[in-house]
Every structure is written in structure tokens, then in C-alpha cells.
Amino acid sequence: MTSAKLGAVVMSALVVMYLALLGQKGYLFLVEPNPVAKVMGIAILGFPLIGAWTIYRELRFGLAVEKLGAQLEAEGAWPRFKFKVLPSGRANKAEALQEFQEYKDAALADENNWRSWFALGLIYDACGDRKRARSAMRKAIESSQG
């Protein structure tokens, strides 16, 4: 198990424990005779549901991205970027930005090619734009399924 996976599992377990404790507190408020306590109990019980849904969604996203990455590796089709990687393991952002347009054009030219969207997601991440990187990876997942 990679350290990233282990970290995700540990953090998820901690959040689940927190949500269980929060759910218990919500239940205790709910069984109180005071109407204000009941309203607080209902509100507190909503948080664990939202948290569980969020964890599920994030883990599903991560597993789908990992599956696509493994498929690209097995095919020998992992994107070959020209930018250098710094000793910290991060991409040289200035070099990644120079290469960015090429990958964006490729993804937009063939909207249904999940491999292009996956590569675009990687280059967005290398450029430091996590929001668009996740969006491109979602598009890659959707395109790979349909």
C-alpha cells in the first residue's frame, strides 16, 4: 500500500470515528425532551451524513483515477512530459506552463478521449491548478465509462 493510500485510509478512519461520536451526541440531543435540543440533535445528525457522503465520493474518485492510471501504465501510454521535476518531487511550474497548451488542445480536439483528459489533469496539477486538475480527471473518468 502506498503512503498516499495509507494516509487516505488513516484519515478516513479518523473522520469516521469523529462522525460516530458526533452522531452519538446528536442522538443524545434528540432524545432530550427540550425542543431546542431536538432541533440541535437533528442538525448534528446531518453533519455525519454529509461527512460520510463526502468521504465516499472522494474515495470513489481516487480509486477511479488510480484505475485509469494503472491502465495507462499497463498500456505503456503514460504521458511523457518535458518539464523537469524539482528535488521536492514537484514539477517545475514554469516549464509545465509552457507545455500546458499542447495538452489542453489535445483534450479539446477529442472530447471523448479519456487519455487526453487524464494527461490534461496531470498537467493542470503540475501547473498548480488543483481545481481544474480534478475537473479534467472527472472528465477522464466519465469518458472512460461511456
N, C-alpha and C. Protein backbone atom coordinates (compact mmCIF):
# COMPACT_ATOMS: atom_id res chain seq x y z
N MET A 1 0.86 -1.18 0.00
CA MET A 1 0.00 0.00 0.00
C MET A 1 0.90 1.24 0.00
N THR A 2 0.62 2.16 -0.90
CA THR A 2 1.42 3.37 -0.98
C THR A 2 1.14 4.27 0.22
N SER A 3 2.05 5.20 0.46
CA SER A 3 1.87 6.10 1.61
C SER A 3 0.65 7.00 1.42
N ALA A 4 0.34 7.36 0.18
CA ALA A 4 -0.84 8.19 -0.07
C ALA A 4 -2.12 7.41 0.26
N LYS A 5 -2.16 6.15 -0.13
CA LYS A 5 -3.32 5.32 0.18
C LYS A 5 -3.44 5.11 1.69
N LEU A 6 -2.31 4.83 2.32
CA LEU A 6 -2.32 4.63 3.76
C LEU A 6 -2.81 5.89 4.47
N GLY A 7 -2.34 7.04 4.02
CA GLY A 7 -2.79 8.31 4.59
C GLY A 7 -4.27 8.51 4.41
N ALA A 8 -4.79 8.17 3.23
CA ALA A 8 -6.23 8.32 2.97
C ALA A 8 -7.04 7.38 3.86
N VAL A 9 -6.56 6.16 4.04
CA VAL A 9 -7.26 5.20 4.89
C VAL A 9 -7.25 5.66 6.34
N VAL A 10 -6.10 6.11 6.82
CA VAL A 10 -6.00 6.58 8.21
C VAL A 10 -6.89 7.79 8.44
N MET A 11 -6.81 8.76 7.54
CA MET A 11 -7.65 9.96 7.70
C MET A 11 -9.14 9.62 7.61
N SER A 12 -9.49 8.72 6.72
CA SER A 12 -10.89 8.32 6.61
C SER A 12 -11.35 7.64 7.90
N ALA A 13 -10.51 6.79 8.46
CA ALA A 13 -10.87 6.11 9.71
C ALA A 13 -11.05 7.12 10.85
N LEU A 14 -10.16 8.11 10.91
CA LEU A 14 -10.29 9.13 11.95
C LEU A 14 -11.57 9.95 11.77
N VAL A 15 -11.88 10.30 10.54
CA VAL A 15 -13.10 11.07 10.29
C VAL A 15 -14.33 10.23 10.61
N VAL A 16 -14.30 8.94 10.28
CA VAL A 16 -15.44 8.07 10.61
C VAL A 16 -15.62 7.99 12.12
N MET A 17 -14.51 7.89 12.86
CA MET A 17 -14.62 7.87 14.32
C MET A 17 -15.22 9.19 14.83
N TYR A 18 -14.76 10.28 14.30
CA TYR A 18 -15.30 11.60 14.69
C TYR A 18 -16.78 11.69 14.36
N LEU A 19 -17.16 11.22 13.18
CA LEU A 19 -18.56 11.27 12.77
C LEU A 19 -19.43 10.38 13.66
N ALA A 20 -18.88 9.25 14.10
CA ALA A 20 -19.63 8.37 15.01
C ALA A 20 -19.87 9.07 16.35
N LEU A 21 -18.83 9.73 16.85
CA LEU A 21 -19.00 10.47 18.11
C LEU A 21 -19.99 11.61 17.94
N LEU A 22 -19.91 12.30 16.82
CA LEU A 22 -20.85 13.38 16.54
C LEU A 22 -22.27 12.85 16.42
N GLY A 23 -22.42 11.69 15.77
CA GLY A 23 -23.72 11.07 15.65
C GLY A 23 -24.29 10.69 17.01
N GLN A 24 -23.42 10.20 17.89
CA GLN A 24 -23.86 9.85 19.24
C GLN A 24 -24.36 11.08 19.98
N LYS A 25 -23.62 12.17 19.88
CA LYS A 25 -24.05 13.42 20.53
C LYS A 25 -25.38 13.90 19.95
N GLY A 26 -25.53 13.80 18.64
CA GLY A 26 -26.78 14.19 18.01
C GLY A 26 -27.95 13.37 18.52
N TYR A 27 -27.72 12.08 18.67
CA TYR A 27 -28.77 11.20 19.19
C TYR A 27 -29.13 11.58 20.63
N LEU A 28 -28.12 11.87 21.45
CA LEU A 28 -28.39 12.25 22.84
C LEU A 28 -29.20 13.54 22.90
N PHE A 29 -28.93 14.49 22.03
CA PHE A 29 -29.74 15.71 21.97
C PHE A 29 -31.16 15.38 21.52
N LEU A 30 -31.26 14.45 20.58
CA LEU A 30 -32.56 14.11 20.01
C LEU A 30 -33.51 13.48 21.03
N VAL A 31 -32.98 12.73 21.97
CA VAL A 31 -33.84 12.06 22.96
C VAL A 31 -34.18 12.97 24.14
N GLU A 32 -33.62 14.15 24.17
CA GLU A 32 -33.95 15.11 25.24
C GLU A 32 -35.37 15.63 25.02
N PRO A 33 -36.08 15.95 26.11
CA PRO A 33 -37.45 16.46 25.97
C PRO A 33 -37.51 17.91 25.46
N ASN A 34 -36.45 18.65 25.60
CA ASN A 34 -36.41 20.05 25.19
C ASN A 34 -36.47 20.16 23.67
N PRO A 35 -37.38 20.96 23.10
CA PRO A 35 -37.48 21.08 21.64
C PRO A 35 -36.23 21.69 21.00
N VAL A 36 -35.57 22.60 21.70
CA VAL A 36 -34.34 23.19 21.15
C VAL A 36 -33.26 22.11 21.04
N ALA A 37 -33.17 21.24 22.04
CA ALA A 37 -32.20 20.14 22.00
C ALA A 37 -32.52 19.20 20.84
N LYS A 38 -33.79 18.95 20.59
CA LYS A 38 -34.18 18.08 19.47
C LYS A 38 -33.75 18.67 18.13
N VAL A 39 -33.96 19.97 17.98
CA VAL A 39 -33.54 20.64 16.73
C VAL A 39 -32.02 20.55 16.58
N MET A 40 -31.30 20.78 17.67
CA MET A 40 -29.83 20.66 17.63
C MET A 40 -29.42 19.23 17.29
N GLY A 41 -30.13 18.26 17.84
CA GLY A 41 -29.83 16.86 17.55
C GLY A 41 -30.00 16.53 16.08
N ILE A 42 -31.07 17.04 15.49
CA ILE A 42 -31.31 16.81 14.06
C ILE A 42 -30.20 17.45 13.23
N ALA A 43 -29.84 18.67 13.61
CA ALA A 43 -28.76 19.37 12.87
C ALA A 43 -27.44 18.64 13.02
N ILE A 44 -27.14 18.20 14.23
CA ILE A 44 -25.87 17.50 14.46
C ILE A 44 -25.85 16.16 13.72
N LEU A 45 -26.98 15.48 13.62
CA LEU A 45 -27.02 14.21 12.89
C LEU A 45 -26.83 14.42 11.39
N GLY A 46 -27.13 15.60 10.89
CA GLY A 46 -26.92 15.88 9.48
C GLY A 46 -25.45 15.93 9.10
N PHE A 47 -24.61 16.40 10.02
CA PHE A 47 -23.18 16.51 9.72
C PHE A 47 -22.52 15.16 9.44
N PRO A 48 -22.78 14.13 10.24
CA PRO A 48 -22.18 12.83 9.90
C PRO A 48 -22.63 12.30 8.54
N LEU A 49 -23.87 12.56 8.17
CA LEU A 49 -24.33 12.11 6.86
C LEU A 49 -23.59 12.82 5.73
N ILE A 50 -23.42 14.12 5.89
CA ILE A 50 -22.67 14.89 4.89
C ILE A 50 -21.21 14.43 4.84
N GLY A 51 -20.63 14.20 6.00
CA GLY A 51 -19.24 13.73 6.07
C GLY A 51 -19.05 12.37 5.43
N ALA A 52 -19.96 11.45 5.71
CA ALA A 52 -19.87 10.11 5.13
C ALA A 52 -20.00 10.17 3.61
N TRP A 53 -20.93 11.00 3.13
CA TRP A 53 -21.10 11.14 1.69
C TRP A 53 -19.84 11.71 1.04
N THR A 54 -19.24 12.70 1.70
CA THR A 54 -18.02 13.32 1.17
C THR A 54 -16.86 12.33 1.12
N ILE A 55 -16.69 11.56 2.17
CA ILE A 55 -15.62 10.55 2.19
C ILE A 55 -15.84 9.53 1.08
N TYR A 56 -17.06 9.05 0.95
CA TYR A 56 -17.38 8.08 -0.09
C TYR A 56 -17.05 8.64 -1.47
N ARG A 57 -17.47 9.86 -1.72
CA ARG A 57 -17.25 10.49 -3.03
C ARG A 57 -15.76 10.65 -3.33
N GLU A 58 -14.99 11.09 -2.34
CA GLU A 58 -13.55 11.30 -2.54
C GLU A 58 -12.81 9.99 -2.75
N LEU A 59 -13.16 8.97 -1.97
CA LEU A 59 -12.50 7.68 -2.14
C LEU A 59 -12.85 7.06 -3.49
N ARG A 60 -14.10 7.21 -3.91
CA ARG A 60 -14.50 6.70 -5.23
C ARG A 60 -13.74 7.41 -6.34
N PHE A 61 -13.58 8.72 -6.22
CA PHE A 61 -12.83 9.50 -7.21
C PHE A 61 -11.37 9.02 -7.26
N GLY A 62 -10.76 8.89 -6.10
CA GLY A 62 -9.35 8.46 -6.04
C GLY A 62 -9.14 7.08 -6.64
N LEU A 63 -10.03 6.15 -6.34
CA LEU A 63 -9.91 4.80 -6.89
C LEU A 63 -10.10 4.79 -8.40
N ALA A 64 -11.01 5.61 -8.90
CA ALA A 64 -11.24 5.68 -10.35
C ALA A 64 -10.02 6.25 -11.06
N VAL A 65 -9.42 7.29 -10.49
CA VAL A 65 -8.22 7.88 -11.09
C VAL A 65 -7.07 6.87 -11.07
N GLU A 66 -6.95 6.17 -9.95
CA GLU A 66 -5.89 5.17 -9.83
C GLU A 66 -6.08 4.05 -10.86
N LYS A 67 -7.32 3.64 -11.08
CA LYS A 67 -7.60 2.59 -12.06
C LYS A 67 -7.21 3.04 -13.47
N LEU A 68 -7.55 4.28 -13.82
CA LEU A 68 -7.18 4.79 -15.14
C LEU A 68 -5.66 4.89 -15.28
N GLY A 69 -5.01 5.35 -14.22
CA GLY A 69 -3.54 5.45 -14.25
C GLY A 69 -2.89 4.09 -14.43
N ALA A 70 -3.42 3.08 -13.74
CA ALA A 70 -2.88 1.72 -13.88
C ALA A 70 -3.09 1.20 -15.30
N GLN A 71 -4.23 1.54 -15.89
CA GLN A 71 -4.49 1.11 -17.26
C GLN A 71 -3.49 1.76 -18.22
N LEU A 72 -3.23 3.06 -18.02
CA LEU A 72 -2.25 3.74 -18.88
C LEU A 72 -0.86 3.13 -18.72
N GLU A 73 -0.49 2.83 -17.49
CA GLU A 73 0.82 2.21 -17.26
C GLU A 73 0.90 0.84 -17.93
N ALA A 74 -0.15 0.04 -17.81
CA ALA A 74 -0.16 -1.28 -18.41
C ALA A 74 -0.06 -1.21 -19.93
N GLU A 75 -0.64 -0.17 -20.51
CA GLU A 75 -0.59 0.02 -21.97
C GLU A 75 0.73 0.66 -22.41
N GLY A 76 1.52 1.14 -21.46
CA GLY A 76 2.74 1.87 -21.80
C GLY A 76 2.44 3.23 -22.39
N ALA A 77 1.28 3.79 -22.00
CA ALA A 77 0.82 5.05 -22.60
C ALA A 77 0.81 6.21 -21.60
N TRP A 78 1.59 6.06 -20.52
CA TRP A 78 1.63 7.15 -19.54
C TRP A 78 2.18 8.40 -20.22
N PRO A 79 1.56 9.57 -20.00
CA PRO A 79 2.02 10.81 -20.66
C PRO A 79 3.48 11.11 -20.34
N ARG A 80 4.23 11.48 -21.34
CA ARG A 80 5.65 11.83 -21.17
C ARG A 80 5.78 13.35 -21.26
N PHE A 81 5.92 13.96 -20.12
CA PHE A 81 6.05 15.42 -20.07
C PHE A 81 7.51 15.81 -20.24
N LYS A 82 7.71 17.03 -20.75
CA LYS A 82 9.07 17.53 -20.98
C LYS A 82 9.59 18.34 -19.81
N PHE A 83 8.71 18.78 -18.91
CA PHE A 83 9.17 19.62 -17.80
C PHE A 83 9.97 18.80 -16.80
N LYS A 84 10.85 19.50 -16.11
CA LYS A 84 11.70 18.85 -15.10
C LYS A 84 10.95 18.77 -13.78
N VAL A 85 11.36 17.82 -12.98
CA VAL A 85 10.80 17.66 -11.65
C VAL A 85 11.85 18.15 -10.65
N LEU A 86 11.42 18.99 -9.73
CA LEU A 86 12.31 19.54 -8.72
C LEU A 86 12.68 18.47 -7.69
N PRO A 87 13.75 18.67 -6.92
CA PRO A 87 14.13 17.69 -5.89
C PRO A 87 13.00 17.40 -4.90
N SER A 88 12.09 18.34 -4.72
CA SER A 88 10.96 18.13 -3.80
C SER A 88 9.93 17.15 -4.37
N GLY A 89 10.06 16.82 -5.66
CA GLY A 89 9.11 15.93 -6.30
C GLY A 89 8.03 16.68 -7.07
N ARG A 90 8.00 17.99 -6.92
CA ARG A 90 7.02 18.80 -7.65
C ARG A 90 7.56 19.16 -9.03
N ALA A 91 6.63 19.44 -9.91
CA ALA A 91 7.01 19.83 -11.26
C ALA A 91 7.54 21.25 -11.27
N ASN A 92 8.42 21.55 -12.22
CA ASN A 92 8.86 22.91 -12.44
C ASN A 92 7.68 23.63 -13.10
N LYS A 93 7.01 24.48 -12.34
CA LYS A 93 5.76 25.09 -12.78
C LYS A 93 5.93 25.91 -14.06
N ALA A 94 7.02 26.65 -14.17
CA ALA A 94 7.23 27.48 -15.36
C ALA A 94 7.35 26.61 -16.61
N GLU A 95 8.07 25.50 -16.51
CA GLU A 95 8.21 24.60 -17.66
C GLU A 95 6.89 23.89 -17.96
N ALA A 96 6.15 23.53 -16.92
CA ALA A 96 4.86 22.87 -17.12
C ALA A 96 3.88 23.81 -17.83
N LEU A 97 3.92 25.07 -17.48
CA LEU A 97 3.02 26.05 -18.12
C LEU A 97 3.32 26.17 -19.61
N GLN A 98 4.60 26.06 -19.99
CA GLN A 98 4.96 26.14 -21.40
C GLN A 98 4.39 24.95 -22.19
N GLU A 99 4.27 23.83 -21.54
CA GLU A 99 3.80 22.62 -22.18
C GLU A 99 2.28 22.46 -22.11
N PHE A 100 1.65 23.24 -21.26
CA PHE A 100 0.23 23.10 -20.95
C PHE A 100 -0.68 23.17 -22.17
N GLN A 101 -0.51 24.16 -23.02
CA GLN A 101 -1.43 24.40 -24.13
C GLN A 101 -1.53 23.19 -25.06
N GLU A 102 -0.43 22.53 -25.25
CA GLU A 102 -0.41 21.34 -26.13
C GLU A 102 -1.40 20.27 -25.62
N TYR A 103 -1.40 20.04 -24.32
CA TYR A 103 -2.29 19.03 -23.73
C TYR A 103 -3.74 19.50 -23.68
N LYS A 104 -3.93 20.80 -23.46
CA LYS A 104 -5.28 21.34 -23.46
C LYS A 104 -5.90 21.24 -24.85
N ASP A 105 -5.13 21.59 -25.87
CA ASP A 105 -5.61 21.50 -27.25
C ASP A 105 -5.96 20.05 -27.61
N ALA A 106 -5.13 19.10 -27.17
CA ALA A 106 -5.37 17.69 -27.48
C ALA A 106 -6.67 17.21 -26.83
N ALA A 107 -6.93 17.63 -25.61
CA ALA A 107 -8.15 17.21 -24.91
C ALA A 107 -9.38 17.83 -25.56
N LEU A 108 -9.29 19.09 -25.94
CA LEU A 108 -10.44 19.76 -26.55
C LEU A 108 -10.69 19.29 -27.97
N ALA A 109 -9.65 18.81 -28.64
CA ALA A 109 -9.80 18.33 -30.01
C ALA A 109 -10.58 17.01 -30.05
N ASP A 110 -10.44 16.20 -29.01
CA ASP A 110 -11.15 14.92 -28.94
C ASP A 110 -11.77 14.79 -27.55
N GLU A 111 -12.96 15.34 -27.41
CA GLU A 111 -13.63 15.43 -26.11
C GLU A 111 -13.89 14.08 -25.46
N ASN A 112 -13.93 13.00 -26.25
CA ASN A 112 -14.26 11.68 -25.71
C ASN A 112 -13.04 10.83 -25.42
N ASN A 113 -11.85 11.36 -25.61
CA ASN A 113 -10.62 10.61 -25.38
C ASN A 113 -10.20 10.79 -23.91
N TRP A 114 -10.46 9.79 -23.10
CA TRP A 114 -10.16 9.91 -21.68
C TRP A 114 -8.67 10.03 -21.42
N ARG A 115 -7.86 9.47 -22.30
CA ARG A 115 -6.40 9.54 -22.11
C ARG A 115 -5.91 10.99 -22.20
N SER A 116 -6.50 11.75 -23.13
CA SER A 116 -6.14 13.17 -23.27
C SER A 116 -6.57 13.96 -22.04
N TRP A 117 -7.76 13.66 -21.51
CA TRP A 117 -8.25 14.36 -20.33
C TRP A 117 -7.43 13.99 -19.10
N PHE A 118 -6.99 12.74 -19.02
CA PHE A 118 -6.15 12.31 -17.91
C PHE A 118 -4.83 13.09 -17.94
N ALA A 119 -4.21 13.16 -19.13
CA ALA A 119 -2.96 13.90 -19.27
C ALA A 119 -3.17 15.38 -18.95
N LEU A 120 -4.29 15.95 -19.37
CA LEU A 120 -4.59 17.34 -19.05
C LEU A 120 -4.72 17.53 -17.54
N GLY A 121 -5.35 16.58 -16.88
CA GLY A 121 -5.46 16.65 -15.42
C GLY A 121 -4.09 16.64 -14.76
N LEU A 122 -3.19 15.81 -15.27
CA LEU A 122 -1.84 15.76 -14.70
C LEU A 122 -1.10 17.08 -14.91
N ILE A 123 -1.24 17.66 -16.10
CA ILE A 123 -0.52 18.91 -16.38
C ILE A 123 -1.14 20.08 -15.62
N TYR A 124 -2.45 20.07 -15.44
CA TYR A 124 -3.08 21.09 -14.59
C TYR A 124 -2.50 21.00 -13.18
N ASP A 125 -2.38 19.79 -12.67
CA ASP A 125 -1.83 19.60 -11.34
C ASP A 125 -0.38 20.08 -11.28
N ALA A 126 0.38 19.79 -12.31
CA ALA A 126 1.78 20.24 -12.36
C ALA A 126 1.88 21.76 -12.39
N CYS A 127 0.88 22.40 -12.99
CA CYS A 127 0.84 23.87 -13.05
C CYS A 127 0.29 24.48 -11.76
N GLY A 128 -0.17 23.64 -10.86
CA GLY A 128 -0.66 24.13 -9.57
C GLY A 128 -2.14 24.45 -9.53
N ASP A 129 -2.89 24.05 -10.55
CA ASP A 129 -4.33 24.33 -10.59
C ASP A 129 -5.09 23.06 -10.24
N ARG A 130 -5.25 22.81 -8.95
CA ARG A 130 -5.87 21.58 -8.47
C ARG A 130 -7.35 21.48 -8.85
N LYS A 131 -8.05 22.60 -8.82
CA LYS A 131 -9.48 22.58 -9.13
C LYS A 131 -9.70 22.09 -10.56
N ARG A 132 -8.97 22.64 -11.50
CA ARG A 132 -9.13 22.23 -12.89
C ARG A 132 -8.55 20.84 -13.14
N ALA A 133 -7.53 20.48 -12.37
CA ALA A 133 -6.96 19.12 -12.48
C ALA A 133 -8.02 18.09 -12.11
N ARG A 134 -8.74 18.33 -11.03
CA ARG A 134 -9.79 17.40 -10.59
C ARG A 134 -10.92 17.37 -11.63
N SER A 135 -11.25 18.52 -12.18
CA SER A 135 -12.30 18.59 -13.18
C SER A 135 -11.91 17.79 -14.43
N ALA A 136 -10.68 17.92 -14.86
CA ALA A 136 -10.21 17.17 -16.03
C ALA A 136 -10.18 15.67 -15.73
N MET A 137 -9.82 15.30 -14.51
CA MET A 137 -9.82 13.88 -14.15
C MET A 137 -11.25 13.34 -14.10
N ARG A 138 -12.20 14.15 -13.63
CA ARG A 138 -13.60 13.72 -13.65
C ARG A 138 -14.06 13.48 -15.09
N LYS A 139 -13.66 14.37 -16.00
CA LYS A 139 -14.00 14.22 -17.40
C LYS A 139 -13.36 12.94 -17.97
N ALA A 140 -12.13 12.65 -17.55
CA ALA A 140 -11.46 11.42 -17.99
C ALA A 140 -12.24 10.19 -17.50
N ILE A 141 -12.67 10.22 -16.25
CA ILE A 141 -13.44 9.09 -15.70
C ILE A 141 -14.74 8.92 -16.45
N GLU A 142 -15.46 10.01 -16.68
CA GLU A 142 -16.73 9.94 -17.42
C GLU A 142 -16.52 9.40 -18.84
N SER A 143 -15.48 9.90 -19.51
CA SER A 143 -15.22 9.49 -20.89
C SER A 143 -14.81 8.03 -20.96
N SER A 144 -14.12 7.53 -19.95
CA SER A 144 -13.69 6.13 -19.96
C SER A 144 -14.85 5.18 -19.77
N GLN A 145 -15.91 5.64 -19.16
CA GLN A 145 -17.07 4.78 -18.88
C GLN A 145 -18.09 4.78 -20.00
N GLY A 146 -18.03 5.76 -20.86
CA GLY A 146 -19.08 5.87 -21.86
C GLY A 146 -18.66 5.75 -23.24
